[in-house]
PDB file of N, CA and C in Angstrom:
ATOM      1  N   MET A   1       0.809  -1.193   0.000  1.00  0.00           N
ATOM      2  CA  MET A   1       0.000   0.000   0.000  1.00  0.00           C
ATOM      3  C   MET A   1       0.852   1.257   0.000  1.00  0.00           C
ATOM      4  N   GLY A   2       2.133   1.164   0.134  1.00  0.00           N
ATOM      5  CA  GLY A   2       2.994   2.319   0.177  1.00  0.00           C
ATOM      6  C   GLY A   2       3.243   2.950  -1.180  1.00  0.00           C
ATOM      7  N   ILE A   3       2.834   2.304  -2.250  1.00  0.00           N
ATOM      8  CA  ILE A   3       3.063   2.817  -3.593  1.00  0.00           C
ATOM      9  C   ILE A   3       1.812   3.537  -4.075  1.00  0.00           C
ATOM     10  N   GLU A   4       1.998   4.771  -4.553  1.00  0.00           N
ATOM     11  CA  GLU A   4       0.860   5.520  -5.078  1.00  0.00           C
ATOM     12  C   GLU A   4       0.485   4.966  -6.440  1.00  0.00           C
ATOM     13  N   SER A   5      -0.818   4.842  -6.682  1.00  0.00           N
ATOM     14  CA  SER A   5      -1.311   4.338  -7.962  1.00  0.00           C
ATOM     15  C   SER A   5      -2.307   5.321  -8.546  1.00  0.00           C
ATOM     16  N   TYR A   6      -2.275   5.433  -9.852  1.00  0.00           N
ATOM     17  CA  TYR A   6      -3.164   6.328 -10.566  1.00  0.00           C
ATOM     18  C   TYR A   6      -3.783   5.585 -11.750  1.00  0.00           C
ATOM     19  N   LEU A   7      -4.974   6.005 -12.114  1.00  0.00           N
ATOM     20  CA  LEU A   7      -5.654   5.503 -13.304  1.00  0.00           C
ATOM     21  C   LEU A   7      -6.208   6.689 -14.071  1.00  0.00           C
ATOM     22  N   ASN A   8      -6.341   6.532 -15.363  1.00  0.00           N
ATOM     23  CA  ASN A   8      -6.943   7.577 -16.172  1.00  0.00           C
ATOM     24  C   ASN A   8      -8.379   7.177 -16.490  1.00  0.00           C
ATOM     25  N   HIS A   9      -9.329   7.920 -15.942  1.00  0.00           N
ATOM     26  CA  HIS A   9     -10.749   7.686 -16.198  1.00  0.00           C
ATOM     27  C   HIS A   9     -11.097   8.367 -17.520  1.00  0.00           C
ATOM     28  N   PRO A  10     -11.909   7.719 -18.358  1.00  0.00           N
ATOM     29  CA  PRO A  10     -12.215   8.309 -19.670  1.00  0.00           C
ATOM     30  C   PRO A  10     -12.919   9.662 -19.611  1.00  0.00           C
ATOM     31  N   THR A  11     -13.664   9.941 -18.548  1.00  0.00           N
ATOM     32  CA  THR A  11     -14.385  11.211 -18.433  1.00  0.00           C
ATOM     33  C   THR A  11     -13.776  12.150 -17.397  1.00  0.00           C
ATOM     34  N   PHE A  12     -13.378  11.609 -16.257  1.00  0.00           N
ATOM     35  CA  PHE A  12     -12.970  12.448 -15.126  1.00  0.00           C
ATOM     36  C   PHE A  12     -11.470  12.619 -14.984  1.00  0.00           C
ATOM     37  N   GLY A  13     -10.696  12.065 -15.888  1.00  0.00           N
ATOM     38  CA  GLY A  13      -9.256  12.270 -15.874  1.00  0.00           C
ATOM     39  C   GLY A  13      -8.543  11.394 -14.857  1.00  0.00           C
ATOM     40  N   LEU A  14      -7.495  11.939 -14.287  1.00  0.00           N
ATOM     41  CA  LEU A  14      -6.619  11.180 -13.407  1.00  0.00           C
ATOM     42  C   LEU A  14      -7.289  10.868 -12.071  1.00  0.00           C
ATOM     43  N   LEU A  15      -7.254   9.599 -11.693  1.00  0.00           N
ATOM     44  CA  LEU A  15      -7.808   9.139 -10.417  1.00  0.00           C
ATOM     45  C   LEU A  15      -6.673   8.639  -9.539  1.00  0.00           C
ATOM     46  N   PHE A  16      -6.806   8.860  -8.242  1.00  0.00           N
ATOM     47  CA  PHE A  16      -5.818   8.459  -7.246  1.00  0.00           C
ATOM     48  C   PHE A  16      -6.352   7.275  -6.453  1.00  0.00           C
ATOM     49  N   ARG A  17      -5.548   6.254  -6.255  1.00  0.00           N
ATOM     50  CA  ARG A  17      -5.957   5.061  -5.510  1.00  0.00           C
ATOM     51  C   ARG A  17      -6.009   5.370  -4.025  1.00  0.00           C
ATOM     52  N   VAL A  18      -7.176   5.141  -3.422  1.00  0.00           N
ATOM     53  CA  VAL A  18      -7.347   5.332  -1.980  1.00  0.00           C
ATOM     54  C   VAL A  18      -6.929   4.058  -1.256  1.00  0.00           C
ATOM     55  N   CYS A  19      -7.529   2.914  -1.640  1.00  0.00           N
ATOM     56  CA  CYS A  19      -7.173   1.653  -1.000  1.00  0.00           C
ATOM     57  C   CYS A  19      -7.764   0.473  -1.756  1.00  0.00           C
ATOM     58  N   LEU A  20      -7.272  -0.697  -1.398  1.00  0.00           N
ATOM     59  CA  LEU A  20      -7.826  -1.956  -1.858  1.00  0.00           C
ATOM     60  C   LEU A  20      -9.114  -2.203  -1.090  1.00  0.00           C
ATOM     61  N   ILE A  21     -10.154  -2.645  -1.774  1.00  0.00           N
ATOM     62  CA  ILE A  21     -11.413  -2.981  -1.114  1.00  0.00           C
ATOM     63  C   ILE A  21     -11.455  -4.486  -0.882  1.00  0.00           C
ATOM     64  N   GLU A  22     -11.274  -5.223  -1.933  1.00  0.00           N
ATOM     65  CA  GLU A  22     -11.155  -6.674  -1.872  1.00  0.00           C
ATOM     66  C   GLU A  22     -10.458  -7.102  -3.147  1.00  0.00           C
ATOM     67  N   GLU A  23     -10.231  -8.389  -3.294  1.00  0.00           N
ATOM     68  CA  GLU A  23      -9.509  -8.861  -4.466  1.00  0.00           C
ATOM     69  C   GLU A  23     -10.185  -8.371  -5.751  1.00  0.00           C
ATOM     70  N   HIS A  24      -9.405  -7.755  -6.597  1.00  0.00           N
ATOM     71  CA  HIS A  24      -9.842  -7.220  -7.897  1.00  0.00           C
ATOM     72  C   HIS A  24     -10.742  -5.986  -7.778  1.00  0.00           C
ATOM     73  N   GLN A  25     -10.823  -5.368  -6.604  1.00  0.00           N
ATOM     74  CA  GLN A  25     -11.592  -4.124  -6.445  1.00  0.00           C
ATOM     75  C   GLN A  25     -10.798  -3.129  -5.607  1.00  0.00           C
ATOM     76  N   GLU A  26     -10.710  -1.916  -6.122  1.00  0.00           N
ATOM     77  CA  GLU A  26     -10.002  -0.853  -5.422  1.00  0.00           C
ATOM     78  C   GLU A  26     -10.858   0.410  -5.440  1.00  0.00           C
ATOM     79  N   LEU A  27     -10.631   1.258  -4.450  1.00  0.00           N
ATOM     80  CA  LEU A  27     -11.327   2.532  -4.362  1.00  0.00           C
ATOM     81  C   LEU A  27     -10.409   3.625  -4.875  1.00  0.00           C
ATOM     82  N   PHE A  28     -10.927   4.416  -5.807  1.00  0.00           N
ATOM     83  CA  PHE A  28     -10.190   5.545  -6.373  1.00  0.00           C
ATOM     84  C   PHE A  28     -11.023   6.811  -6.203  1.00  0.00           C
ATOM     85  N   THR A  29     -10.334   7.946  -6.197  1.00  0.00           N
ATOM     86  CA  THR A  29     -10.997   9.247  -6.153  1.00  0.00           C
ATOM     87  C   THR A  29     -10.344  10.172  -7.170  1.00  0.00           C
ATOM     88  N   THR A  30     -11.062  11.228  -7.531  1.00  0.00           N
ATOM     89  CA  THR A  30     -10.469  12.205  -8.443  1.00  0.00           C
ATOM     90  C   THR A  30      -9.250  12.820  -7.756  1.00  0.00           C
ATOM     91  N   LEU A  31      -8.246  13.076  -8.517  1.00  0.00           N
ATOM     92  CA  LEU A  31      -6.947  13.456  -7.956  1.00  0.00           C
ATOM     93  C   LEU A  31      -6.982  14.761  -7.168  1.00  0.00           C
ATOM     94  N   TYR A  32      -7.584  15.788  -7.700  1.00  0.00           N
ATOM     95  CA  TYR A  32      -7.464  17.091  -7.062  1.00  0.00           C
ATOM     96  C   TYR A  32      -8.605  17.400  -6.096  1.00  0.00           C
ATOM     97  N   ALA A  33      -9.819  17.202  -6.493  1.00  0.00           N
ATOM     98  CA  ALA A  33     -10.946  17.583  -5.643  1.00  0.00           C
ATOM     99  C   ALA A  33     -11.276  16.525  -4.596  1.00  0.00           C
ATOM    100  N   GLN A  34     -11.003  15.275  -4.878  1.00  0.00           N
ATOM    101  CA  GLN A  34     -11.343  14.151  -4.010  1.00  0.00           C
ATOM    102  C   GLN A  34     -12.811  14.215  -3.585  1.00  0.00           C
ATOM    103  N   ARG A  35     -13.661  14.485  -4.556  1.00  0.00           N
ATOM    104  CA  ARG A  35     -15.107  14.564  -4.326  1.00  0.00           C
ATOM    105  C   ARG A  35     -15.864  13.441  -5.006  1.00  0.00           C
ATOM    106  N   LEU A  36     -15.299  12.914  -6.092  1.00  0.00           N
ATOM    107  CA  LEU A  36     -15.927  11.814  -6.810  1.00  0.00           C
ATOM    108  C   LEU A  36     -15.158  10.538  -6.501  1.00  0.00           C
ATOM    109  N   PHE A  37     -15.895   9.475  -6.187  1.00  0.00           N
ATOM    110  CA  PHE A  37     -15.264   8.212  -5.819  1.00  0.00           C
ATOM    111  C   PHE A  37     -15.746   7.107  -6.738  1.00  0.00           C
ATOM    112  N   PHE A  38     -14.851   6.167  -7.007  1.00  0.00           N
ATOM    113  CA  PHE A  38     -15.138   5.058  -7.910  1.00  0.00           C
ATOM    114  C   PHE A  38     -14.598   3.760  -7.333  1.00  0.00           C
ATOM    115  N   ILE A  39     -15.411   2.711  -7.449  1.00  0.00           N
ATOM    116  CA  ILE A  39     -14.886   1.376  -7.227  1.00  0.00           C
ATOM    117  C   ILE A  39     -14.446   0.885  -8.590  1.00  0.00           C
ATOM    118  N   VAL A  40     -13.185   0.543  -8.689  1.00  0.00           N
ATOM    119  CA  VAL A  40     -12.638   0.070  -9.952  1.00  0.00           C
ATOM    120  C   VAL A  40     -12.430  -1.433  -9.831  1.00  0.00           C
ATOM    121  N   SER A  41     -13.120  -2.169 -10.683  1.00  0.00           N
ATOM    122  CA  SER A  41     -13.025  -3.631 -10.698  1.00  0.00           C
ATOM    123  C   SER A  41     -12.213  -4.048 -11.913  1.00  0.00           C
ATOM    124  N   ASN A  42     -11.318  -4.991 -11.685  1.00  0.00           N
ATOM    125  CA  ASN A  42     -10.494  -5.512 -12.769  1.00  0.00           C
ATOM    126  C   ASN A  42     -10.913  -6.950 -13.019  1.00  0.00           C
ATOM    127  N   GLY A  43     -11.698  -7.154 -14.060  1.00  0.00           N
ATOM    128  CA  GLY A  43     -12.197  -8.481 -14.376  1.00  0.00           C
ATOM    129  C   GLY A  43     -11.778  -8.922 -15.764  1.00  0.00           C
ATOM    130  N   SER A  44     -12.386  -9.982 -16.219  1.00  0.00           N
ATOM    131  CA  SER A  44     -12.046 -10.529 -17.532  1.00  0.00           C
ATOM    132  C   SER A  44     -12.386  -9.561 -18.663  1.00  0.00           C
ATOM    133  N   GLY A  45     -13.351  -8.674 -18.435  1.00  0.00           N
ATOM    134  CA  GLY A  45     -13.735  -7.697 -19.445  1.00  0.00           C
ATOM    135  C   GLY A  45     -12.939  -6.410 -19.377  1.00  0.00           C
ATOM    136  N   GLY A  46     -11.936  -6.340 -18.531  1.00  0.00           N
ATOM    137  CA  GLY A  46     -11.129  -5.136 -18.360  1.00  0.00           C
ATOM    138  C   GLY A  46     -11.566  -4.357 -17.134  1.00  0.00           C
ATOM    139  N   LEU A  47     -11.215  -3.092 -17.094  1.00  0.00           N
ATOM    140  CA  LEU A  47     -11.552  -2.242 -15.952  1.00  0.00           C
ATOM    141  C   LEU A  47     -12.999  -1.779 -16.025  1.00  0.00           C
ATOM    142  N   GLN A  48     -13.657  -1.786 -14.873  1.00  0.00           N
ATOM    143  CA  GLN A  48     -15.024  -1.272 -14.776  1.00  0.00           C
ATOM    144  C   GLN A  48     -15.035  -0.211 -13.678  1.00  0.00           C
ATOM    145  N   PHE A  49     -15.572   0.965 -13.995  1.00  0.00           N
ATOM    146  CA  PHE A  49     -15.653   2.082 -13.062  1.00  0.00           C
ATOM    147  C   PHE A  49     -17.091   2.226 -12.582  1.00  0.00           C
ATOM    148  N   ASP A  50     -17.310   2.099 -11.272  1.00  0.00           N
ATOM    149  CA  ASP A  50     -18.636   2.303 -10.687  1.00  0.00           C
ATOM    150  C   ASP A  50     -18.549   3.461  -9.698  1.00  0.00           C
ATOM    151  N   SER A  51     -19.280   4.526  -9.962  1.00  0.00           N
ATOM    152  CA  SER A  51     -19.234   5.676  -9.063  1.00  0.00           C
ATOM    153  C   SER A  51     -20.033   5.377  -7.802  1.00  0.00           C
ATOM    154  N   ILE A  52     -19.536   5.895  -6.672  1.00  0.00           N
ATOM    155  CA  ILE A  52     -20.220   5.756  -5.390  1.00  0.00           C
ATOM    156  C   ILE A  52     -20.171   7.089  -4.674  1.00  0.00           C
ATOM    157  N   SER A  53     -21.013   7.246  -3.682  1.00  0.00           N
ATOM    158  CA  SER A  53     -21.057   8.498  -2.936  1.00  0.00           C
ATOM    159  C   SER A  53     -19.855   8.615  -1.996  1.00  0.00           C
ATOM    160  N   ARG A  54     -19.602   9.826  -1.559  1.00  0.00           N
ATOM    161  CA  ARG A  54     -18.527  10.079  -0.592  1.00  0.00           C
ATOM    162  C   ARG A  54     -18.793   9.310   0.702  1.00  0.00           C
ATOM    163  N   ALA A  55     -20.050   9.272   1.151  1.00  0.00           N
ATOM    164  CA  ALA A  55     -20.405   8.560   2.383  1.00  0.00           C
ATOM    165  C   ALA A  55     -20.141   7.061   2.239  1.00  0.00           C
ATOM    166  N   ASP A  56     -20.503   6.493   1.094  1.00  0.00           N
ATOM    167  CA  ASP A  56     -20.245   5.075   0.868  1.00  0.00           C
ATOM    168  C   ASP A  56     -18.747   4.783   0.792  1.00  0.00           C
ATOM    169  N   ALA A  57     -17.999   5.678   0.169  1.00  0.00           N
ATOM    170  CA  ALA A  57     -16.547   5.512   0.091  1.00  0.00           C
ATOM    171  C   ALA A  57     -15.933   5.537   1.490  1.00  0.00           C
ATOM    172  N   LYS A  58     -16.403   6.435   2.320  1.00  0.00           N
ATOM    173  CA  LYS A  58     -15.897   6.527   3.689  1.00  0.00           C
ATOM    174  C   LYS A  58     -16.178   5.234   4.446  1.00  0.00           C
ATOM    175  N   ILE A  59     -17.360   4.684   4.284  1.00  0.00           N
ATOM    176  CA  ILE A  59     -17.710   3.420   4.942  1.00  0.00           C
ATOM    177  C   ILE A  59     -16.796   2.298   4.464  1.00  0.00           C
ATOM    178  N   LEU A  60     -16.529   2.234   3.166  1.00  0.00           N
ATOM    179  CA  LEU A  60     -15.637   1.200   2.633  1.00  0.00           C
ATOM    180  C   LEU A  60     -14.238   1.307   3.230  1.00  0.00           C
ATOM    181  N   VAL A  61     -13.721   2.527   3.331  1.00  0.00           N
ATOM    182  CA  VAL A  61     -12.386   2.728   3.901  1.00  0.00           C
ATOM    183  C   VAL A  61     -12.386   2.345   5.377  1.00  0.00           C
ATOM    184  N   GLU A  62     -13.415   2.731   6.112  1.00  0.00           N
ATOM    185  CA  GLU A  62     -13.483   2.377   7.535  1.00  0.00           C
ATOM    186  C   GLU A  62     -13.599   0.869   7.729  1.00  0.00           C
ATOM    187  N   ASN A  63     -14.341   0.196   6.867  1.00  0.00           N
ATOM    188  CA  ASN A  63     -14.418  -1.269   6.929  1.00  0.00           C
ATOM    189  C   ASN A  63     -13.053  -1.897   6.664  1.00  0.00           C
ATOM    190  N   ARG A  64     -12.340  -1.357   5.684  1.00  0.00           N
ATOM    191  CA  ARG A  64     -10.992  -1.866   5.383  1.00  0.00           C
ATOM    192  C   ARG A  64     -10.053  -1.630   6.556  1.00  0.00           C
ATOM    193  N   MET A  65     -10.179  -0.480   7.225  1.00  0.00           N
ATOM    194  CA  MET A  65      -9.345  -0.200   8.396  1.00  0.00           C
ATOM    195  C   MET A  65      -9.608  -1.229   9.499  1.00  0.00           C
ATOM    196  N   ARG A  66     -10.876  -1.522   9.748  1.00  0.00           N
ATOM    197  CA  ARG A  66     -11.213  -2.532  10.766  1.00  0.00           C
ATOM    198  C   ARG A  66     -10.640  -3.889  10.401  1.00  0.00           C
ATOM    199  N   TRP A  67     -10.743  -4.251   9.126  1.00  0.00           N
ATOM    200  CA  TRP A  67     -10.221  -5.536   8.682  1.00  0.00           C
ATOM    201  C   TRP A  67      -8.707  -5.613   8.893  1.00  0.00           C
ATOM    202  N   LEU A  68      -7.990  -4.532   8.519  1.00  0.00           N
ATOM    203  CA  LEU A  68      -6.531  -4.503   8.690  1.00  0.00           C
ATOM    204  C   LEU A  68      -6.146  -4.581  10.157  1.00  0.00           C
ATOM    205  N   ARG A  69      -6.892  -3.913  11.012  1.00  0.00           N
ATOM    206  CA  ARG A  69      -6.602  -3.946  12.449  1.00  0.00           C
ATOM    207  C   ARG A  69      -6.777  -5.362  12.995  1.00  0.00           C
ATOM    208  N   ARG A  70      -7.839  -6.038  12.573  1.00  0.00           N
ATOM    209  CA  ARG A  70      -8.083  -7.420  13.018  1.00  0.00           C
ATOM    210  C   ARG A  70      -7.036  -8.389  12.481  1.00  0.00           C
ATOM    211  N   GLN A  71      -6.521  -8.141  11.283  1.00  0.00           N
ATOM    212  CA  GLN A  71      -5.536  -9.026  10.669  1.00  0.00           C
ATOM    213  C   GLN A  71      -4.139  -8.830  11.246  1.00  0.00           C
ATOM    214  N   GLY A  72      -3.945  -7.765  12.016  1.00  0.00           N
ATOM    215  CA  GLY A  72      -2.643  -7.526  12.616  1.00  0.00           C
ATOM    216  C   GLY A  72      -1.610  -7.011  11.632  1.00  0.00           C
ATOM    217  N   THR A  73      -2.023  -6.119  10.745  1.00  0.00           N
ATOM    218  CA  THR A  73      -1.095  -5.500   9.792  1.00  0.00           C
ATOM    219  C   THR A  73      -0.964  -4.016  10.133  1.00  0.00           C
ATOM    220  N   PRO A  74      -0.162  -3.706  11.162  1.00  0.00           N
ATOM    221  CA  PRO A  74      -0.113  -2.326  11.667  1.00  0.00           C
ATOM    222  C   PRO A  74       0.415  -1.295  10.673  1.00  0.00           C
ATOM    223  N   GLN A  75       1.358  -1.671   9.820  1.00  0.00           N
ATOM    224  CA  GLN A  75       1.894  -0.689   8.870  1.00  0.00           C
ATOM    225  C   GLN A  75       0.831  -0.271   7.859  1.00  0.00           C
ATOM    226  N   GLU A  76       0.130  -1.228   7.271  1.00  0.00           N
ATOM    227  CA  GLU A  76      -0.929  -0.898   6.316  1.00  0.00           C
ATOM    228  C   GLU A  76      -2.057  -0.141   7.005  1.00  0.00           C
ATOM    229  N   TYR A  77      -2.389  -0.549   8.230  1.00  0.00           N
ATOM    230  CA  TYR A  77      -3.437   0.125   8.988  1.00  0.00           C
ATOM    231  C   TYR A  77      -3.071   1.591   9.218  1.00  0.00           C
ATOM    232  N   THR A  78      -1.849   1.845   9.656  1.00  0.00           N
ATOM    233  CA  THR A  78      -1.398   3.214   9.922  1.00  0.00           C
ATOM    234  C   THR A  78      -1.442   4.062   8.660  1.00  0.00           C
ATOM    235  N   GLN A  79      -1.030   3.484   7.533  1.00  0.00           N
ATOM    236  CA  GLN A  79      -1.068   4.215   6.268  1.00  0.00           C
ATOM    237  C   GLN A  79      -2.504   4.540   5.865  1.00  0.00           C
ATOM    238  N   LEU A  80      -3.413   3.585   6.071  1.00  0.00           N
ATOM    239  CA  LEU A  80      -4.802   3.814   5.695  1.00  0.00           C
ATOM    240  C   LEU A  80      -5.471   4.834   6.611  1.00  0.00           C
ATOM    241  N   VAL A  81      -5.103   4.850   7.884  1.00  0.00           N
ATOM    242  CA  VAL A  81      -5.630   5.869   8.798  1.00  0.00           C
ATOM    243  C   VAL A  81      -5.229   7.260   8.299  1.00  0.00           C
ATOM    244  N   ALA A  82      -3.991   7.399   7.867  1.00  0.00           N
ATOM    245  CA  ALA A  82      -3.528   8.692   7.340  1.00  0.00           C
ATOM    246  C   ALA A  82      -4.298   9.080   6.082  1.00  0.00           C
ATOM    247  N   VAL A  83      -4.536   8.126   5.192  1.00  0.00           N
ATOM    248  CA  VAL A  83      -5.314   8.393   3.970  1.00  0.00           C
ATOM    249  C   VAL A  83      -6.744   8.779   4.342  1.00  0.00           C
ATOM    250  N   HIS A  84      -7.312   8.093   5.322  1.00  0.00           N
ATOM    251  CA  HIS A  84      -8.677   8.393   5.780  1.00  0.00           C
ATOM    252  C   HIS A  84      -8.762   9.833   6.283  1.00  0.00           C
ATOM    253  N   ARG A  85      -7.818  10.218   7.116  1.00  0.00           N
ATOM    254  CA  ARG A  85      -7.804  11.596   7.654  1.00  0.00           C
ATOM    255  C   ARG A  85      -7.691  12.612   6.528  1.00  0.00           C
ATOM    256  N   GLN A  86      -6.783  12.367   5.609  1.00  0.00           N
ATOM    257  CA  GLN A  86      -6.549  13.308   4.515  1.00  0.00           C
ATOM    258  C   GLN A  86      -7.760  13.410   3.591  1.00  0.00           C
ATOM    259  N   THR A  87      -8.439  12.315   3.371  1.00  0.00           N
ATOM    260  CA  THR A  87      -9.524  12.294   2.394  1.00  0.00           C
ATOM    261  C   THR A  87     -10.869  12.698   2.970  1.00  0.00           C
ATOM    262  N   PHE A  88     -11.166  12.297   4.210  1.00  0.00           N
ATOM    263  CA  PHE A  88     -12.510  12.459   4.733  1.00  0.00           C
ATOM    264  C   PHE A  88     -12.647  13.452   5.883  1.00  0.00           C
ATOM    265  N   GLN A  89     -11.555  14.011   6.372  1.00  0.00           N
ATOM    266  CA  GLN A  89     -11.700  14.963   7.487  1.00  0.00           C
ATOM    267  C   GLN A  89     -11.235  16.342   7.123  1.00  0.00           C
TER     268      GLN A  89
END
């Protein structure tokens, strides 16, 4: 999780990776405003962008934080807490 990742959305331009949601799904946000959020799925048909609300994105990140804390991965957890603060507070 220490590596920054970016994707180019066909309409909204450069997206910044917030975190992994689950296997083959990641949460991205618009690079500058961080107001639009997308779940990006990587499947057999290529990348799929599904827009979600800011509130739903926050819930996904908080769920991921809880999962990381339970799994005992303190470095990833600490990094995600910092991303959460920067993005949602």
